[in-house]
Amino acid sequence: MFGNLFKKKDPIEKFWQYFIDHEKKLYNLREDDIEKIYGDLYRLINKVNNQLTFSTPVALINGKREFTIKASSIGKNFPDVIRLVDAAPAMEKFTIIAFEQRNDGEDGTTVNDIMLTRDDVFFNYTYDQEYTAFYLKLYIKGFEEENDDYYQVTFDLLELVIGEYVLGTEITEIEFNKFYTADDLLPINDLAKILDTIKLGK
């Protein structure tokens, strides 16, 4: 009896309870409210998994705001994203989404002072059919091996091109290289089509 009385609330339950309690402010995205609420949400989501993140666009879709739970493109985090999204309560004002989705309408992304567009990244690849292993070699304009921001902005761009779930489950290994020439390379926009073709066994 006393064990149940003092049992700690599940961190996923605490996250969604806070979300529901502040749903109106999250929906309205007023600058006066959002800094504190986002800070509290990050603290609570870190109790589930400290590598999970989230995002919400300013634009509404059919009167609802999207709220995306992300795994930082790390495959071992995927089960926690799924558990968190599956536990989300039904809400009138929000659509809860698992993983950063492919976005053909976005041309590029920025991390700190580094911006990459789809025109800045090329690739080639090796596919091992026996082990269903896809080895991706990227060639990035301006890439600096010692600058961690280049890795992050490239991952963000890949999420736009193929989506976070595909990035985490269908790409076995990624090699980062500086771009010099497009000879024998493919534009990054071709990556989704190639992965789809491999899945279809063609």
Protein backbone atom coordinates (compact mmCIF):
# COMPACT_ATOMS: atom_id res chain seq x y z
CA MET A 1 0.00 0.00 0.00
CA PHE A 2 2.64 2.53 1.07
CA GLY A 3 4.85 1.51 -1.88
CA ASN A 4 2.10 2.55 -4.30
CA LEU A 5 1.37 5.71 -2.33
CA PHE A 6 4.91 7.04 -2.76
CA LYS A 7 5.52 5.69 -6.24
CA LYS A 8 7.09 8.27 -8.55
CA LYS A 9 5.03 9.36 -11.52
CA ASP A 10 6.29 8.04 -14.85
CA PRO A 11 8.36 10.73 -16.69
CA ILE A 12 6.29 10.26 -19.84
CA GLU A 13 3.10 10.86 -17.86
CA LYS A 14 4.63 13.96 -16.25
CA PHE A 15 5.65 15.33 -19.66
CA TRP A 16 2.16 15.04 -21.12
CA GLN A 17 0.46 16.29 -17.97
CA TYR A 18 2.54 19.46 -18.15
CA PHE A 19 1.78 19.76 -21.85
CA ILE A 20 -1.97 19.52 -21.24
CA ASP A 21 -1.79 22.01 -18.38
CA HIS A 22 -0.09 24.54 -20.70
CA GLU A 23 -1.74 23.58 -23.98
CA LYS A 24 -3.29 26.99 -24.60
CA LYS A 25 -0.01 28.86 -24.10
CA LEU A 26 1.89 26.35 -26.27
CA TYR A 27 -0.69 26.79 -29.00
CA ASN A 28 -0.57 30.59 -28.90
CA LEU A 29 3.27 30.75 -28.81
CA ARG A 30 3.38 34.11 -27.06
CA GLU A 31 6.96 35.24 -26.52
CA ASP A 32 6.26 36.09 -22.86
CA ASP A 33 5.21 32.49 -22.13
CA ILE A 34 7.21 30.30 -24.44
CA GLU A 35 10.72 30.60 -22.99
CA LYS A 36 9.72 29.25 -19.59
CA ILE A 37 7.34 26.61 -20.94
CA TYR A 38 9.85 25.32 -23.48
CA GLY A 39 12.50 25.23 -20.77
CA ASP A 40 10.22 23.15 -18.56
CA LEU A 41 9.33 20.83 -21.45
CA TYR A 42 13.01 20.26 -22.25
CA ARG A 43 13.68 19.47 -18.61
CA LEU A 44 10.80 16.98 -18.57
CA ILE A 45 11.67 15.33 -21.88
CA ASN A 46 15.24 14.91 -20.63
CA LYS A 47 13.83 12.77 -17.83
CA VAL A 48 12.57 10.39 -20.53
CA ASN A 49 15.79 10.51 -22.57
CA ASN A 50 18.31 13.34 -22.48
CA GLN A 51 18.92 13.10 -26.25
CA LEU A 52 15.33 13.68 -27.28
CA THR A 53 14.29 17.08 -28.63
CA PHE A 54 11.12 18.62 -29.99
CA SER A 55 10.00 21.33 -32.38
CA THR A 56 6.82 23.10 -33.40
CA PRO A 57 6.39 25.31 -36.47
CA VAL A 58 4.81 28.73 -36.23
CA ALA A 59 2.37 28.02 -39.07
CA LEU A 60 -0.87 26.20 -38.26
CA ILE A 61 -2.24 23.36 -40.39
CA ASN A 62 -6.03 23.23 -40.53
CA GLY A 63 -6.13 25.22 -37.31
CA LYS A 64 -3.87 22.78 -35.45
CA ARG A 65 -0.26 23.11 -34.40
CA GLU A 66 2.18 20.30 -35.06
CA PHE A 67 4.49 19.18 -32.26
CA THR A 68 7.29 16.85 -33.34
CA ILE A 69 9.28 14.61 -30.96
CA LYS A 70 12.75 13.94 -32.37
CA ALA A 71 15.47 11.38 -31.68
CA SER A 72 18.48 13.52 -32.66
CA SER A 73 18.89 11.05 -35.60
CA ILE A 74 20.20 8.42 -33.15
CA GLY A 75 18.67 4.99 -33.71
CA LYS A 76 18.87 3.87 -30.08
CA ASN A 77 16.58 6.77 -29.16
CA PHE A 78 13.82 5.70 -31.54
CA PRO A 79 11.96 3.44 -29.06
CA ASP A 80 11.69 6.32 -26.57
CA VAL A 81 10.28 8.63 -29.25
CA ILE A 82 7.68 6.02 -30.16
CA ARG A 83 6.76 5.41 -26.50
CA LEU A 84 6.40 9.13 -25.86
CA VAL A 85 4.26 9.77 -28.95
CA ASP A 86 2.10 6.68 -28.37
CA ALA A 87 1.35 7.97 -24.86
CA ALA A 88 0.23 11.41 -26.07
CA PRO A 89 -3.34 12.28 -25.09
CA ALA A 90 -5.86 13.38 -27.71
CA MET A 91 -5.80 17.16 -28.04
CA GLU A 92 -7.96 19.49 -30.11
CA LYS A 93 -5.24 22.02 -30.81
CA PHE A 94 -2.21 19.78 -31.51
CA THR A 95 -1.04 17.05 -33.85
CA ILE A 96 1.77 15.04 -32.22
CA ILE A 97 4.31 13.63 -34.68
CA ALA A 98 7.06 11.05 -34.20
CA PHE A 99 10.38 11.99 -35.83
CA GLU A 100 11.36 14.87 -38.07
CA GLN A 101 9.58 14.35 -41.37
CA ARG A 102 10.90 14.65 -44.90
CA ASN A 103 10.15 18.18 -46.13
CA ASP A 104 10.40 18.74 -49.86
CA GLY A 105 9.34 22.36 -49.41
CA GLU A 106 12.47 23.35 -47.47
CA ASP A 107 15.63 24.02 -49.47
CA GLY A 108 18.17 24.21 -46.67
CA THR A 109 18.99 24.56 -43.01
CA THR A 110 21.33 26.56 -40.76
CA VAL A 111 23.34 25.81 -37.62
CA ASN A 112 25.01 28.83 -36.05
CA ASP A 113 26.76 30.57 -38.99
CA ILE A 114 26.75 27.60 -41.35
CA MET A 115 24.03 27.19 -43.94
CA LEU A 116 23.64 24.24 -46.31
CA THR A 117 21.16 23.96 -49.14
CA ARG A 118 20.31 20.94 -51.25
CA ASP A 119 22.68 22.32 -53.90
CA ASP A 120 25.62 22.13 -51.48
CA VAL A 121 25.66 18.37 -50.82
CA PHE A 122 26.42 15.47 -53.17
CA PHE A 123 26.88 11.76 -52.56
CA ASN A 124 27.73 8.30 -53.74
CA TYR A 125 27.04 5.05 -51.96
CA THR A 126 27.67 1.33 -51.59
CA TYR A 127 24.85 -1.11 -50.89
CA ASP A 128 25.55 -4.55 -49.45
CA GLN A 129 22.50 -6.58 -50.38
CA GLU A 130 23.46 -9.57 -48.24
CA TYR A 131 23.48 -7.48 -45.05
CA THR A 132 21.03 -4.81 -46.30
CA ALA A 133 23.71 -2.26 -45.40
CA PHE A 134 23.72 1.18 -47.04
CA TYR A 135 27.03 3.07 -46.82
CA LEU A 136 26.64 6.75 -47.67
CA LYS A 137 29.53 9.00 -48.68
CA LEU A 138 28.71 12.70 -48.55
CA TYR A 139 30.60 15.51 -50.29
CA ILE A 140 29.80 18.89 -48.75
CA LYS A 141 30.69 22.34 -50.02
CA GLY A 142 32.87 24.19 -47.52
CA PHE A 143 33.07 21.19 -45.16
CA GLU A 144 35.55 21.57 -42.28
CA GLU A 145 36.30 18.30 -40.52
CA GLU A 146 37.13 19.97 -37.21
CA ASN A 147 33.93 22.04 -37.09
CA ASP A 148 31.13 20.10 -35.36
CA ASP A 149 28.50 22.47 -36.74
CA TYR A 150 29.06 20.99 -40.21
CA TYR A 151 28.03 17.55 -38.98
CA GLN A 152 24.89 18.88 -37.29
CA VAL A 153 23.76 21.02 -40.22
CA THR A 154 24.34 18.09 -42.58
CA PHE A 155 22.23 15.77 -40.42
CA ASP A 156 19.52 18.44 -40.35
CA LEU A 157 19.61 18.64 -44.15
CA LEU A 158 19.41 14.85 -44.47
CA GLU A 159 16.31 14.92 -42.28
CA LEU A 160 14.72 17.34 -44.74
CA VAL A 161 15.66 15.12 -47.68
CA ILE A 162 14.73 11.65 -46.36
CA GLY A 163 13.22 12.13 -42.89
CA GLU A 164 14.66 11.27 -39.50
CA TYR A 165 13.25 7.73 -39.30
CA VAL A 166 14.72 6.71 -42.67
CA LEU A 167 18.02 8.35 -41.74
CA GLY A 168 18.20 6.37 -38.52
CA THR A 169 17.01 3.01 -39.84
CA GLU A 170 18.13 2.72 -43.48
CA ILE A 171 21.56 4.38 -43.47
CA THR A 172 24.21 2.08 -42.01
CA GLU A 173 27.17 4.44 -42.04
CA ILE A 174 27.92 8.00 -43.21
CA GLU A 175 31.27 9.31 -44.36
CA PHE A 176 31.77 13.09 -44.52
CA ASN A 177 34.03 14.62 -47.17
CA LYS A 178 34.77 18.04 -48.59
CA PHE A 179 33.27 18.69 -52.01
CA TYR A 180 35.63 19.40 -54.89
CA THR A 181 33.88 18.25 -58.06
CA ALA A 182 30.51 16.79 -58.96
CA ASP A 183 32.05 14.21 -61.30
CA ASP A 184 30.64 10.73 -60.56
CA LEU A 185 28.54 12.13 -57.72
CA LEU A 186 24.77 12.41 -57.30
CA PRO A 187 22.82 15.42 -56.01
CA ILE A 188 21.46 14.88 -52.51
CA ASN A 189 17.89 15.15 -53.79
CA ASP A 190 18.36 11.76 -55.50
CA LEU A 191 18.93 9.98 -52.19
CA ALA A 192 15.26 9.38 -51.33
CA LYS A 193 14.58 7.88 -54.76
CA ILE A 194 17.55 5.52 -54.49
CA LEU A 195 16.51 4.32 -51.03
CA ASP A 196 12.96 3.74 -52.27
CA THR A 197 14.26 1.75 -55.24
CA ILE A 198 16.39 -0.45 -52.96
CA LYS A 199 13.40 -1.12 -50.69
CA LEU A 200 11.35 -2.19 -53.70
CA GLY A 201 14.12 -4.59 -54.72
CA LYS A 202 14.54 -3.06 -58.16
